[in-house]
Amino acid sequence: EVYFEALDALLDRTNVMMRQLIQNFLPEKPVSFEDYIDDDGLGN
């Protein structure tokens, strides 16, 4: 039971910290970016 509680606490802790990270570093207005792979080996 202690092991289960510890794992739940670790998952919860990461959840809280990721929410903060999202608010600090991700934009509210949508932004797009594109990059390319040269080819598929078959000439495409």
PDB file of all heavy atoms in Angstrom:
ATOM      1  N   GLU A   1       0.820  -1.208   0.000  1.00  0.00           N
ATOM      2  CA  GLU A   1       0.000   0.000   0.000  1.00  0.00           C
ATOM      3  C   GLU A   1       0.858   1.265   0.000  1.00  0.00           C
ATOM      4  O   GLU A   1       0.535   2.245  -0.687  1.00  0.00           O
ATOM      5  CB  GLU A   1      -0.945  -0.010   1.205  1.00  0.00           C
ATOM      6  CG  GLU A   1      -1.985  -1.118   1.158  1.00  0.00           C
ATOM      7  CD  GLU A   1      -2.790  -1.111  -0.133  1.00  0.00           C
ATOM      8  OE1 GLU A   1      -3.177  -0.002  -0.600  1.00  0.00           O
ATOM      9  OE2 GLU A   1      -3.025  -2.203  -0.690  1.00  0.00           O
ATOM     10  N   VAL A   2       1.944   1.234   0.740  1.00  0.00           N
ATOM     11  CA  VAL A   2       2.856   2.384   0.734  1.00  0.00           C
ATOM     12  C   VAL A   2       3.492   2.530  -0.650  1.00  0.00           C
ATOM     13  O   VAL A   2       3.633   3.650  -1.167  1.00  0.00           O
ATOM     14  CB  VAL A   2       3.940   2.226   1.816  1.00  0.00           C
ATOM     15  CG1 VAL A   2       5.006   3.309   1.679  1.00  0.00           C
ATOM     16  CG2 VAL A   2       3.313   2.277   3.200  1.00  0.00           C
ATOM     17  N   TYR A   3       3.847   1.406  -1.253  1.00  0.00           N
ATOM     18  CA  TYR A   3       4.426   1.435  -2.609  1.00  0.00           C
ATOM     19  C   TYR A   3       3.432   2.042  -3.594  1.00  0.00           C
ATOM     20  O   TYR A   3       3.794   2.914  -4.401  1.00  0.00           O
ATOM     21  CB  TYR A   3       4.820   0.022  -3.032  1.00  0.00           C
ATOM     22  CG  TYR A   3       5.426  -0.070  -4.411  1.00  0.00           C
ATOM     23  CD1 TYR A   3       6.696   0.436  -4.676  1.00  0.00           C
ATOM     24  CD2 TYR A   3       4.722  -0.669  -5.454  1.00  0.00           C
ATOM     25  CE1 TYR A   3       7.257   0.348  -5.948  1.00  0.00           C
ATOM     26  CE2 TYR A   3       5.276  -0.764  -6.721  1.00  0.00           C
ATOM     27  CZ  TYR A   3       6.535  -0.254  -6.967  1.00  0.00           C
ATOM     28  OH  TYR A   3       7.084  -0.342  -8.224  1.00  0.00           O
ATOM     29  N   PHE A   4       2.173   1.623  -3.530  1.00  0.00           N
ATOM     30  CA  PHE A   4       1.158   2.174  -4.432  1.00  0.00           C
ATOM     31  C   PHE A   4       1.002   3.683  -4.219  1.00  0.00           C
ATOM     32  O   PHE A   4       0.900   4.453  -5.189  1.00  0.00           O
ATOM     33  CB  PHE A   4      -0.200   1.493  -4.190  1.00  0.00           C
ATOM     34  CG  PHE A   4      -0.244   0.040  -4.563  1.00  0.00           C
ATOM     35  CD1 PHE A   4      -1.150  -0.817  -3.951  1.00  0.00           C
ATOM     36  CD2 PHE A   4       0.612  -0.483  -5.518  1.00  0.00           C
ATOM     37  CE1 PHE A   4      -1.202  -2.159  -4.291  1.00  0.00           C
ATOM     38  CE2 PHE A   4       0.575  -1.823  -5.859  1.00  0.00           C
ATOM     39  CZ  PHE A   4      -0.337  -2.666  -5.234  1.00  0.00           C
ATOM     40  N   GLU A   5       0.961   4.115  -2.959  1.00  0.00           N
ATOM     41  CA  GLU A   5       0.809   5.539  -2.670  1.00  0.00           C
ATOM     42  C   GLU A   5       1.995   6.341  -3.189  1.00  0.00           C
ATOM     43  O   GLU A   5       1.838   7.458  -3.694  1.00  0.00           O
ATOM     44  CB  GLU A   5       0.658   5.755  -1.159  1.00  0.00           C
ATOM     45  CG  GLU A   5      -0.705   5.378  -0.611  1.00  0.00           C
ATOM     46  CD  GLU A   5      -0.887   5.859   0.819  1.00  0.00           C
ATOM     47  OE1 GLU A   5      -0.207   6.834   1.216  1.00  0.00           O
ATOM     48  OE2 GLU A   5      -1.714   5.281   1.545  1.00  0.00           O
ATOM     49  N   ALA A   6       3.187   5.776  -3.068  1.00  0.00           N
ATOM     50  CA  ALA A   6       4.383   6.479  -3.543  1.00  0.00           C
ATOM     51  C   ALA A   6       4.340   6.663  -5.054  1.00  0.00           C
ATOM     52  O   ALA A   6       4.665   7.746  -5.573  1.00  0.00           O
ATOM     53  CB  ALA A   6       5.641   5.712  -3.133  1.00  0.00           C
ATOM     54  N   LEU A   7       3.935   5.629  -5.780  1.00  0.00           N
ATOM     55  CA  LEU A   7       3.858   5.747  -7.240  1.00  0.00           C
ATOM     56  C   LEU A   7       2.809   6.776  -7.642  1.00  0.00           C
ATOM     57  O   LEU A   7       3.030   7.579  -8.560  1.00  0.00           O
ATOM     58  CB  LEU A   7       3.540   4.391  -7.872  1.00  0.00           C
ATOM     59  CG  LEU A   7       4.534   3.250  -7.631  1.00  0.00           C
ATOM     60  CD1 LEU A   7       4.236   2.080  -8.572  1.00  0.00           C
ATOM     61  CD2 LEU A   7       5.973   3.706  -7.794  1.00  0.00           C
ATOM     62  N   ASP A   8       1.656   6.769  -6.970  1.00  0.00           N
ATOM     63  CA  ASP A   8       0.628   7.779  -7.258  1.00  0.00           C
ATOM     64  C   ASP A   8       1.155   9.184  -6.994  1.00  0.00           C
ATOM     65  O   ASP A   8       0.894  10.125  -7.762  1.00  0.00           O
ATOM     66  CB  ASP A   8      -0.624   7.525  -6.404  1.00  0.00           C
ATOM     67  CG  ASP A   8      -1.391   6.290  -6.828  1.00  0.00           C
ATOM     68  OD1 ASP A   8      -1.165   5.811  -7.966  1.00  0.00           O
ATOM     69  OD2 ASP A   8      -2.200   5.788  -6.024  1.00  0.00           O
ATOM     70  N   ALA A   9       1.909   9.330  -5.912  1.00  0.00           N
ATOM     71  CA  ALA A   9       2.451  10.653  -5.573  1.00  0.00           C
ATOM     72  C   ALA A   9       3.458  11.111  -6.624  1.00  0.00           C
ATOM     73  O   ALA A   9       3.505  12.304  -6.973  1.00  0.00           O
ATOM     74  CB  ALA A   9       3.111  10.600  -4.195  1.00  0.00           C
ATOM     75  N   LEU A  10       4.258  10.199  -7.142  1.00  0.00           N
ATOM     76  CA  LEU A  10       5.235  10.562  -8.180  1.00  0.00           C
ATOM     77  C   LEU A  10       4.535  11.001  -9.454  1.00  0.00           C
ATOM     78  O   LEU A  10       4.943  11.979 -10.098  1.00  0.00           O
ATOM     79  CB  LEU A  10       6.154   9.372  -8.453  1.00  0.00           C
ATOM     80  CG  LEU A  10       7.139   9.013  -7.347  1.00  0.00           C
ATOM     81  CD1 LEU A  10       7.876   7.719  -7.680  1.00  0.00           C
ATOM     82  CD2 LEU A  10       8.136  10.143  -7.124  1.00  0.00           C
ATOM     83  N   LEU A  11       3.465  10.295  -9.823  1.00  0.00           N
ATOM     84  CA  LEU A  11       2.709  10.677 -11.018  1.00  0.00           C
ATOM     85  C   LEU A  11       2.031  12.033 -10.812  1.00  0.00           C
ATOM     86  O   LEU A  11       2.041  12.886 -11.710  1.00  0.00           O
ATOM     87  CB  LEU A  11       1.680   9.599 -11.342  1.00  0.00           C
ATOM     88  CG  LEU A  11       2.248   8.248 -11.794  1.00  0.00           C
ATOM     89  CD1 LEU A  11       1.156   7.172 -11.804  1.00  0.00           C
ATOM     90  CD2 LEU A  11       2.876   8.353 -13.184  1.00  0.00           C
ATOM     91  N   ASP A  12       1.470  12.249  -9.635  1.00  0.00           N
ATOM     92  CA  ASP A  12       0.813  13.533  -9.341  1.00  0.00           C
ATOM     93  C   ASP A  12       1.814  14.685  -9.344  1.00  0.00           C
ATOM     94  O   ASP A  12       1.533  15.782  -9.840  1.00  0.00           O
ATOM     95  CB  ASP A  12       0.104  13.471  -7.987  1.00  0.00           C
ATOM     96  CG  ASP A  12      -1.114  12.558  -8.003  1.00  0.00           C
ATOM     97  OD1 ASP A  12      -1.569  12.204  -9.103  1.00  0.00           O
ATOM     98  OD2 ASP A  12      -1.582  12.183  -6.906  1.00  0.00           O
ATOM     99  N   ARG A  13       2.983  14.447  -8.787  1.00  0.00           N
ATOM    100  CA  ARG A  13       4.011  15.484  -8.716  1.00  0.00           C
ATOM    101  C   ARG A  13       4.422  15.931 -10.120  1.00  0.00           C
ATOM    102  O   ARG A  13       4.540  17.138 -10.388  1.00  0.00           O
ATOM    103  CB  ARG A  13       5.210  14.951  -7.946  1.00  0.00           C
ATOM    104  CG  ARG A  13       6.335  15.948  -7.755  1.00  0.00           C
ATOM    105  CD  ARG A  13       7.560  15.258  -7.139  1.00  0.00           C
ATOM    106  NE  ARG A  13       7.311  14.797  -5.781  1.00  0.00           N
ATOM    107  CZ  ARG A  13       8.203  14.069  -5.094  1.00  0.00           C
ATOM    108  NH1 ARG A  13       9.359  13.720  -5.629  1.00  0.00           N
ATOM    109  NH2 ARG A  13       7.923  13.700  -3.850  1.00  0.00           N
ATOM    110  N   THR A  14       4.628  14.977 -11.011  1.00  0.00           N
ATOM    111  CA  THR A  14       4.998  15.312 -12.382  1.00  0.00           C
ATOM    112  C   THR A  14       3.878  16.063 -13.083  1.00  0.00           C
ATOM    113  O   THR A  14       4.126  16.994 -13.861  1.00  0.00           O
ATOM    114  CB  THR A  14       5.355  14.034 -13.164  1.00  0.00           C
ATOM    115  OG1 THR A  14       6.474  13.405 -12.531  1.00  0.00           O
ATOM    116  CG2 THR A  14       5.702  14.344 -14.606  1.00  0.00           C
ATOM    117  N   ASN A  15       2.645  15.687 -12.802  1.00  0.00           N
ATOM    118  CA  ASN A  15       1.500  16.358 -13.409  1.00  0.00           C
ATOM    119  C   ASN A  15       1.467  17.837 -13.033  1.00  0.00           C
ATOM    120  O   ASN A  15       1.300  18.718 -13.895  1.00  0.00           O
ATOM    121  CB  ASN A  15       0.208  15.662 -12.965  1.00  0.00           C
ATOM    122  CG  ASN A  15      -1.023  16.235 -13.635  1.00  0.00           C
ATOM    123  OD1 ASN A  15      -1.502  17.304 -13.283  1.00  0.00           O
ATOM    124  ND2 ASN A  15      -1.540  15.521 -14.623  1.00  0.00           N
ATOM    125  N   VAL A  16       1.646  18.127 -11.755  1.00  0.00           N
ATOM    126  CA  VAL A  16       1.616  19.519 -11.285  1.00  0.00           C
ATOM    127  C   VAL A  16       2.735  20.329 -11.921  1.00  0.00           C
ATOM    128  O   VAL A  16       2.531  21.457 -12.398  1.00  0.00           O
ATOM    129  CB  VAL A  16       1.714  19.564  -9.754  1.00  0.00           C
ATOM    130  CG1 VAL A  16       1.909  21.000  -9.270  1.00  0.00           C
ATOM    131  CG2 VAL A  16       0.463  18.964  -9.116  1.00  0.00           C
ATOM    132  N   MET A  17       3.930  19.770 -11.966  1.00  0.00           N
ATOM    133  CA  MET A  17       5.089  20.492 -12.500  1.00  0.00           C
ATOM    134  C   MET A  17       4.965  20.708 -14.002  1.00  0.00           C
ATOM    135  O   MET A  17       5.366  21.751 -14.532  1.00  0.00           O
ATOM    136  CB  MET A  17       6.372  19.745 -12.153  1.00  0.00           C
ATOM    137  CG  MET A  17       6.626  19.645 -10.647  1.00  0.00           C
ATOM    138  SD  MET A  17       8.127  18.749 -10.198  1.00  0.00           S
ATOM    139  CE  MET A  17       9.368  19.972 -10.627  1.00  0.00           C
ATOM    140  N   MET A  18       4.387  19.734 -14.714  1.00  0.00           N
ATOM    141  CA  MET A  18       4.216  19.898 -16.155  1.00  0.00           C
ATOM    142  C   MET A  18       3.184  20.978 -16.451  1.00  0.00           C
ATOM    143  O   MET A  18       3.334  21.751 -17.410  1.00  0.00           O
ATOM    144  CB  MET A  18       3.803  18.576 -16.790  1.00  0.00           C
ATOM    145  CG  MET A  18       3.622  18.639 -18.305  1.00  0.00           C
ATOM    146  SD  MET A  18       5.114  19.118 -19.205  1.00  0.00           S
ATOM    147  CE  MET A  18       6.079  17.621 -19.074  1.00  0.00           C
ATOM    148  N   ARG A  19       2.133  21.066 -15.662  1.00  0.00           N
ATOM    149  CA  ARG A  19       1.147  22.131 -15.861  1.00  0.00           C
ATOM    150  C   ARG A  19       1.808  23.512 -15.725  1.00  0.00           C
ATOM    151  O   ARG A  19       1.516  24.430 -16.499  1.00  0.00           O
ATOM    152  CB  ARG A  19       0.003  21.987 -14.856  1.00  0.00           C
ATOM    153  CG  ARG A  19      -0.932  20.802 -15.118  1.00  0.00           C
ATOM    154  CD  ARG A  19      -1.995  20.678 -14.042  1.00  0.00           C
ATOM    155  NE  ARG A  19      -2.828  19.504 -14.204  1.00  0.00           N
ATOM    156  CZ  ARG A  19      -3.935  19.450 -14.949  1.00  0.00           C
ATOM    157  NH1 ARG A  19      -4.352  20.546 -15.570  1.00  0.00           N
ATOM    158  NH2 ARG A  19      -4.624  18.332 -15.057  1.00  0.00           N
ATOM    159  N   GLN A  20       2.689  23.641 -14.760  1.00  0.00           N
ATOM    160  CA  GLN A  20       3.400  24.912 -14.587  1.00  0.00           C
ATOM    161  C   GLN A  20       4.311  25.197 -15.769  1.00  0.00           C
ATOM    162  O   GLN A  20       4.400  26.333 -16.253  1.00  0.00           O
ATOM    163  CB  GLN A  20       4.202  24.866 -13.287  1.00  0.00           C
ATOM    164  CG  GLN A  20       3.349  24.792 -12.034  1.00  0.00           C
ATOM    165  CD  GLN A  20       4.170  24.598 -10.770  1.00  0.00           C
ATOM    166  OE1 GLN A  20       5.353  24.287 -10.826  1.00  0.00           O
ATOM    167  NE2 GLN A  20       3.532  24.771  -9.612  1.00  0.00           N
ATOM    168  N   LEU A  21       4.989  24.169 -16.236  1.00  0.00           N
ATOM    169  CA  LEU A  21       5.893  24.335 -17.365  1.00  0.00           C
ATOM    170  C   LEU A  21       5.127  24.778 -18.613  1.00  0.00           C
ATOM    171  O   LEU A  21       5.572  25.652 -19.362  1.00  0.00           O
ATOM    172  CB  LEU A  21       6.637  23.022 -17.605  1.00  0.00           C
ATOM    173  CG  LEU A  21       7.832  23.019 -18.553  1.00  0.00           C
ATOM    174  CD1 LEU A  21       8.786  21.897 -18.171  1.00  0.00           C
ATOM    175  CD2 LEU A  21       7.388  22.841 -19.989  1.00  0.00           C
ATOM    176  N   ILE A  22       3.959  24.173 -18.850  1.00  0.00           N
ATOM    177  CA  ILE A  22       3.133  24.534 -20.011  1.00  0.00           C
ATOM    178  C   ILE A  22       2.734  26.006 -19.944  1.00  0.00           C
ATOM    179  O   ILE A  22       2.808  26.741 -20.938  1.00  0.00           O
ATOM    180  CB  ILE A  22       1.888  23.629 -20.070  1.00  0.00           C
ATOM    181  CG1 ILE A  22       2.297  22.200 -20.498  1.00  0.00           C
ATOM    182  CG2 ILE A  22       0.846  24.197 -21.036  1.00  0.00           C
ATOM    183  CD1 ILE A  22       1.185  21.190 -20.358  1.00  0.00           C
ATOM    184  N   GLN A  23       2.305  26.453 -18.773  1.00  0.00           N
ATOM    185  CA  GLN A  23       1.884  27.845 -18.637  1.00  0.00           C
ATOM    186  C   GLN A  23       3.049  28.821 -18.829  1.00  0.00           C
ATOM    187  O   GLN A  23       2.871  29.920 -19.333  1.00  0.00           O
ATOM    188  CB  GLN A  23       1.253  28.057 -17.261  1.00  0.00           C
ATOM    189  CG  GLN A  23      -0.112  27.402 -17.110  1.00  0.00           C
ATOM    190  CD  GLN A  23      -0.694  27.607 -15.728  1.00  0.00           C
ATOM    191  OE1 GLN A  23      -0.116  27.191 -14.720  1.00  0.00           O
ATOM    192  NE2 GLN A  23      -1.844  28.254 -15.662  1.00  0.00           N
ATOM    193  N   ASN A  24       4.239  28.385 -18.463  1.00  0.00           N
ATOM    194  CA  ASN A  24       5.400  29.279 -18.547  1.00  0.00           C
ATOM    195  C   ASN A  24       5.993  29.372 -19.948  1.00  0.00           C
ATOM    196  O   ASN A  24       6.548  30.413 -20.325  1.00  0.00           O
ATOM    197  CB  ASN A  24       6.488  28.813 -17.574  1.00  0.00           C
ATOM    198  CG  ASN A  24       6.114  29.038 -16.123  1.00  0.00           C
ATOM    199  OD1 ASN A  24       5.270  29.872 -15.820  1.00  0.00           O
ATOM    200  ND2 ASN A  24       6.729  28.285 -15.224  1.00  0.00           N
ATOM    201  N   PHE A  25       5.888  28.311 -20.743  1.00  0.00           N
ATOM    202  CA  PHE A  25       6.681  28.269 -21.969  1.00  0.00           C
ATOM    203  C   PHE A  25       5.891  28.052 -23.258  1.00  0.00           C
ATOM    204  O   PHE A  25       6.443  28.258 -24.336  1.00  0.00           O
ATOM    205  CB  PHE A  25       7.747  27.169 -21.852  1.00  0.00           C
ATOM    206  CG  PHE A  25       8.774  27.447 -20.800  1.00  0.00           C
ATOM    207  CD1 PHE A  25       8.739  26.792 -19.581  1.00  0.00           C
ATOM    208  CD2 PHE A  25       9.769  28.396 -21.011  1.00  0.00           C
ATOM    209  CE1 PHE A  25       9.679  27.051 -18.597  1.00  0.00           C
ATOM    210  CE2 PHE A  25      10.719  28.663 -20.041  1.00  0.00           C
ATOM    211  CZ  PHE A  25      10.672  27.992 -18.830  1.00  0.00           C
ATOM    212  N   LEU A  26       4.644  27.652 -23.202  1.00  0.00           N
ATOM    213  CA  LEU A  26       3.897  27.425 -24.438  1.00  0.00           C
ATOM    214  C   LEU A  26       3.006  28.617 -24.758  1.00  0.00           C
ATOM    215  O   LEU A  26       2.445  29.244 -23.855  1.00  0.00           O
ATOM    216  CB  LEU A  26       3.052  26.148 -24.336  1.00  0.00           C
ATOM    217  CG  LEU A  26       3.750  24.883 -24.871  1.00  0.00           C
ATOM    218  CD1 LEU A  26       4.966  24.531 -24.027  1.00  0.00           C
ATOM    219  CD2 LEU A  26       2.777  23.717 -24.934  1.00  0.00           C
ATOM    220  N   PRO A  27       2.843  28.934 -26.050  1.00  0.00           N
ATOM    221  CA  PRO A  27       2.057  30.113 -26.440  1.00  0.00           C
ATOM    222  C   PRO A  27       0.554  29.839 -26.392  1.00  0.00           C
ATOM    223  O   PRO A  27       0.104  28.711 -26.632  1.00  0.00           O
ATOM    224  CB  PRO A  27       2.512  30.355 -27.887  1.00  0.00           C
ATOM    225  CG  PRO A  27       2.863  28.991 -28.395  1.00  0.00           C
ATOM    226  CD  PRO A  27       3.459  28.260 -27.218  1.00  0.00           C
ATOM    227  N   GLU A  28      -0.220  30.896 -26.090  1.00  0.00           N
ATOM    228  CA  GLU A  28      -1.682  30.753 -26.128  1.00  0.00           C
ATOM    229  C   GLU A  28      -2.202  30.821 -27.556  1.00  0.00           C
ATOM    230  O   GLU A  28      -3.181  30.161 -27.899  1.00  0.00           O
ATOM    231  CB  GLU A  28      -2.323  31.851 -25.272  1.00  0.00           C
ATOM    232  CG  GLU A  28      -2.082  31.677 -23.785  1.00  0.00           C
ATOM    233  CD  GLU A  28      -2.835  32.704 -22.962  1.00  0.00           C
ATOM    234  OE1 GLU A  28      -2.425  33.881 -22.959  1.00  0.00           O
ATOM    235  OE2 GLU A  28      -3.840  32.319 -22.323  1.00  0.00           O
ATOM    236  N   LYS A  29      -1.535  31.605 -28.404  1.00  0.00           N
ATOM    237  CA  LYS A  29      -1.937  31.689 -29.800  1.00  0.00           C
ATOM    238  C   LYS A  29      -1.256  30.574 -30.597  1.00  0.00           C
ATOM    239  O   LYS A  29      -0.053  30.369 -30.472  1.00  0.00           O
ATOM    240  CB  LYS A  29      -1.541  33.047 -30.377  1.00  0.00           C
ATOM    241  CG  LYS A  29      -1.988  33.262 -31.803  1.00  0.00           C
ATOM    242  CD  LYS A  29      -1.585  34.652 -32.301  1.00  0.00           C
ATOM    243  CE  LYS A  29      -2.019  34.856 -33.745  1.00  0.00           C
ATOM    244  NZ  LYS A  29      -1.619  36.209 -34.254  1.00  0.00           N
ATOM    245  N   PRO A  30      -2.014  29.833 -31.436  1.00  0.00           N
ATOM    246  CA  PRO A  30      -1.408  28.728 -32.190  1.00  0.00           C
ATOM    247  C   PRO A  30      -0.263  29.200 -33.083  1.00  0.00           C
ATOM    248  O   PRO A  30      -0.348  30.242 -33.742  1.00  0.00           O
ATOM    249  CB  PRO A  30      -2.574  28.194 -33.031  1.00  0.00           C
ATOM    250  CG  PRO A  30      -3.799  28.576 -32.253  1.00  0.00           C
ATOM    251  CD  PRO A  30      -3.474  29.904 -31.634  1.00  0.00           C
ATOM    252  N   VAL A  31       0.825  28.430 -33.070  1.00  0.00           N
ATOM    253  CA  VAL A  31       1.970  28.681 -33.946  1.00  0.00           C
ATOM    254  C   VAL A  31       2.313  27.375 -34.652  1.00  0.00           C
ATOM    255  O   VAL A  31       2.128  26.284 -34.106  1.00  0.00           O
ATOM    256  CB  VAL A  31       3.193  29.206 -33.170  1.00  0.00           C
ATOM    257  CG1 VAL A  31       2.936  30.582 -32.607  1.00  0.00           C
ATOM    258  CG2 VAL A  31       3.596  28.243 -32.058  1.00  0.00           C
ATOM    259  N   SER A  32       2.814  27.489 -35.896  1.00  0.00           N
ATOM    260  CA  SER A  32       3.113  26.309 -36.705  1.00  0.00           C
ATOM    261  C   SER A  32       4.556  26.341 -37.188  1.00  0.00           C
ATOM    262  O   SER A  32       5.143  27.421 -37.386  1.00  0.00           O
ATOM    263  CB  SER A  32       2.177  26.233 -37.923  1.00  0.00           C
ATOM    264  OG  SER A  32       0.830  26.142 -37.525  1.00  0.00           O
ATOM    265  N   PHE A  33       5.096  25.157 -37.389  1.00  0.00           N
ATOM    266  CA  PHE A  33       6.452  25.020 -37.913  1.00  0.00           C
ATOM    267  C   PHE A  33       6.497  23.772 -38.772  1.00  0.00           C
ATOM    268  O   PHE A  33       5.787  22.800 -38.514  1.00  0.00           O
ATOM    269  CB  PHE A  33       7.472  24.912 -36.776  1.00  0.00           C
ATOM    270  CG  PHE A  33       8.901  25.008 -37.242  1.00  0.00           C
ATOM    271  CD1 PHE A  33       9.497  26.242 -37.444  1.00  0.00           C
ATOM    272  CD2 PHE A  33       9.649  23.864 -37.491  1.00  0.00           C
ATOM    273  CE1 PHE A  33      10.813  26.335 -37.876  1.00  0.00           C
ATOM    274  CE2 PHE A  33      10.962  23.946 -37.918  1.00  0.00           C
ATOM    275  CZ  PHE A  33      11.546  25.183 -38.117  1.00  0.00           C
ATOM    276  N   GLU A  34       7.343  23.826 -39.807  1.00  0.00           N
ATOM    277  CA  GLU A  34       7.471  22.652 -40.674  1.00  0.00           C
ATOM    278  C   GLU A  34       8.931  22.397 -41.027  1.00  0.00           C
ATOM    279  O   GLU A  34       9.738  23.313 -41.131  1.00  0.00           O
ATOM    280  CB  GLU A  34       6.638  22.817 -41.944  1.00  0.00           C
ATOM    281  CG  GLU A  34       6.977  24.035 -42.771  1.00  0.00           C
ATOM    282  CD  GLU A  34       5.944  24.308 -43.856  1.00  0.00           C
ATOM    283  OE1 GLU A  34       4.734  24.261 -43.554  1.00  0.00           O
ATOM    284  OE2 GLU A  34       6.359  24.554 -45.012  1.00  0.00           O
ATOM    285  N   ASP A  35       9.239  21.142 -41.187  1.00  0.00           N
ATOM    286  CA  ASP A  35      10.544  20.697 -41.658  1.00  0.00           C
ATOM    287  C   ASP A  35      10.295  19.533 -42.613  1.00  0.00           C
ATOM    288  O   ASP A  35       9.154  19.070 -42.747  1.00  0.00           O
ATOM    289  CB  ASP A  35      11.449  20.293 -40.492  1.00  0.00           C
ATOM    290  CG  ASP A  35      12.934  20.422 -40.825  1.00  0.00           C
ATOM    291  OD1 ASP A  35      13.269  20.486 -42.028  1.00  0.00           O
ATOM    292  OD2 ASP A  35      13.763  20.429 -39.905  1.00  0.00           O
ATOM    293  N   TYR A  36      11.350  19.046 -43.257  1.00  0.00           N
ATOM    294  CA  TYR A  36      11.179  18.074 -44.327  1.00  0.00           C
ATOM    295  C   TYR A  36      12.160  16.917 -44.210  1.00  0.00           C
ATOM    296  O   TYR A  36      13.298  17.087 -43.753  1.00  0.00           O
ATOM    297  CB  TYR A  36      11.382  18.740 -45.698  1.00  0.00           C
ATOM    298  CG  TYR A  36      10.329  19.760 -46.064  1.00  0.00           C
ATOM    299  CD1 TYR A  36      10.355  21.039 -45.516  1.00  0.00           C
ATOM    300  CD2 TYR A  36       9.296  19.433 -46.933  1.00  0.00           C
ATOM    301  CE1 TYR A  36       9.384  21.973 -45.841  1.00  0.00           C
ATOM    302  CE2 TYR A  36       8.324  20.369 -47.262  1.00  0.00           C
ATOM    303  CZ  TYR A  36       8.376  21.637 -46.721  1.00  0.00           C
ATOM    304  OH  TYR A  36       7.419  22.564 -47.042  1.00  0.00           O
ATOM    305  N   ILE A  37      11.702  15.736 -44.638  1.00  0.00           N
ATOM    306  CA  ILE A  37      12.568  14.590 -44.890  1.00  0.00           C
ATOM    307  C   ILE A  37      12.906  14.598 -46.368  1.00  0.00           C
ATOM    308  O   ILE A  37      12.034  14.820 -47.214  1.00  0.00           O
ATOM    309  CB  ILE A  37      11.870  13.277 -44.494  1.00  0.00           C
ATOM    310  CG1 ILE A  37      11.566  13.288 -42.998  1.00  0.00           C
ATOM    311  CG2 ILE A  37      12.721  12.065 -44.857  1.00  0.00           C
ATOM    312  CD1 ILE A  37      10.700  12.131 -42.548  1.00  0.00           C
ATOM    313  N   ASP A  38      14.181  14.356 -46.699  1.00  0.00           N
ATOM    314  CA  ASP A  38      14.638  14.487 -48.089  1.00  0.00           C
ATOM    315  C   ASP A  38      13.810  13.652 -49.069  1.00  0.00           C
ATOM    316  O   ASP A  38      13.329  14.150 -50.091  1.00  0.00           O
ATOM    317  CB  ASP A  38      16.101  14.036 -48.212  1.00  0.00           C
ATOM    318  CG  ASP A  38      17.053  15.004 -47.543  1.00  0.00           C
ATOM    319  OD1 ASP A  38      16.632  16.114 -47.187  1.00  0.00           O
ATOM    320  OD2 ASP A  38      18.222  14.634 -47.362  1.00  0.00           O
ATOM    321  N   ASP A  39      13.692  12.345 -48.777  1.00  0.00           N
ATOM    322  CA  ASP A  39      13.048  11.419 -49.719  1.00  0.00           C
ATOM    323  C   ASP A  39      12.741  10.123 -48.996  1.00  0.00           C
ATOM    324  O   ASP A  39      13.131   9.938 -47.831  1.00  0.00           O
ATOM    325  CB  ASP A  39      13.971  11.144 -50.918  1.00  0.00           C
ATOM    326  CG  ASP A  39      15.243  10.443 -50.512  1.00  0.00           C
ATOM    327  OD1 ASP A  39      16.210  11.115 -50.069  1.00  0.00           O
ATOM    328  OD2 ASP A  39      15.283   9.203 -50.609  1.00  0.00           O
ATOM    329  N   ASP A  40      12.064   9.209 -49.684  1.00  0.00           N
ATOM    330  CA  ASP A  40      11.676   7.938 -49.057  1.00  0.00           C
ATOM    331  C   ASP A  40      12.494   6.750 -49.545  1.00  0.00           C
ATOM    332  O   ASP A  40      12.180   5.603 -49.226  1.00  0.00           O
ATOM    333  CB  ASP A  40      10.186   7.666 -49.273  1.00  0.00           C
ATOM    334  CG  ASP A  40       9.829   7.393 -50.737  1.00  0.00           C
ATOM    335  OD1 ASP A  40      10.693   7.605 -51.620  1.00  0.00           O
ATOM    336  OD2 ASP A  40       8.688   6.973 -50.995  1.00  0.00           O
ATOM    337  N   GLY A  41      13.537   6.999 -50.334  1.00  0.00           N
ATOM    338  CA  GLY A  41      14.347   5.917 -50.870  1.00  0.00           C
ATOM    339  C   GLY A  41      13.827   5.354 -52.162  1.00  0.00           C
ATOM    340  O   GLY A  41      14.509   4.547 -52.819  1.00  0.00           O
ATOM    341  N   LEU A  42      12.623   5.754 -52.565  1.00  0.00           N
ATOM    342  CA  LEU A  42      12.028   5.280 -53.815  1.00  0.00           C
ATOM    343  C   LEU A  42      11.893   6.399 -54.841  1.00  0.00           C
ATOM    344  O   LEU A  42      11.206   6.225 -55.849  1.00  0.00           O
ATOM    345  CB  LEU A  42      10.645   4.671 -53.534  1.00  0.00           C
ATOM    346  CG  LEU A  42      10.619   3.435 -52.632  1.00  0.00           C
ATOM    347  CD1 LEU A  42       9.175   2.994 -52.387  1.00  0.00           C
ATOM    348  CD2 LEU A  42      11.413   2.296 -53.253  1.00  0.00           C
ATOM    349  N   GLY A  43      12.516   7.531 -54.578  1.00  0.00           N
ATOM    350  CA  GLY A  43      12.453   8.656 -55.504  1.00  0.00           C
ATOM    351  C   GLY A  43      11.355   9.647 -55.222  1.00  0.00           C
ATOM    352  O   GLY A  43      11.161  10.594 -55.996  1.00  0.00           O
ATOM    353  N   ASN A  44      10.620   9.464 -54.134  1.00  0.00           N
ATOM    354  CA  ASN A  44       9.540  10.391 -53.769  1.00  0.00           C
ATOM    355  C   ASN A  44      10.025  11.345 -52.677  1.00  0.00           C
ATOM    356  O   ASN A  44      10.818  10.984 -51.828  1.00  0.00           O
ATOM    357  CB  ASN A  44       8.333   9.607 -53.251  1.00  0.00           C
ATOM    358  CG  ASN A  44       7.872   8.542 -54.216  1.00  0.00           C
ATOM    359  OD1 ASN A  44       7.550   8.831 -55.361  1.00  0.00           O
ATOM    360  ND2 ASN A  44       7.868   7.293 -53.769  1.00  0.00           N
TER     361      ASN A  44
END
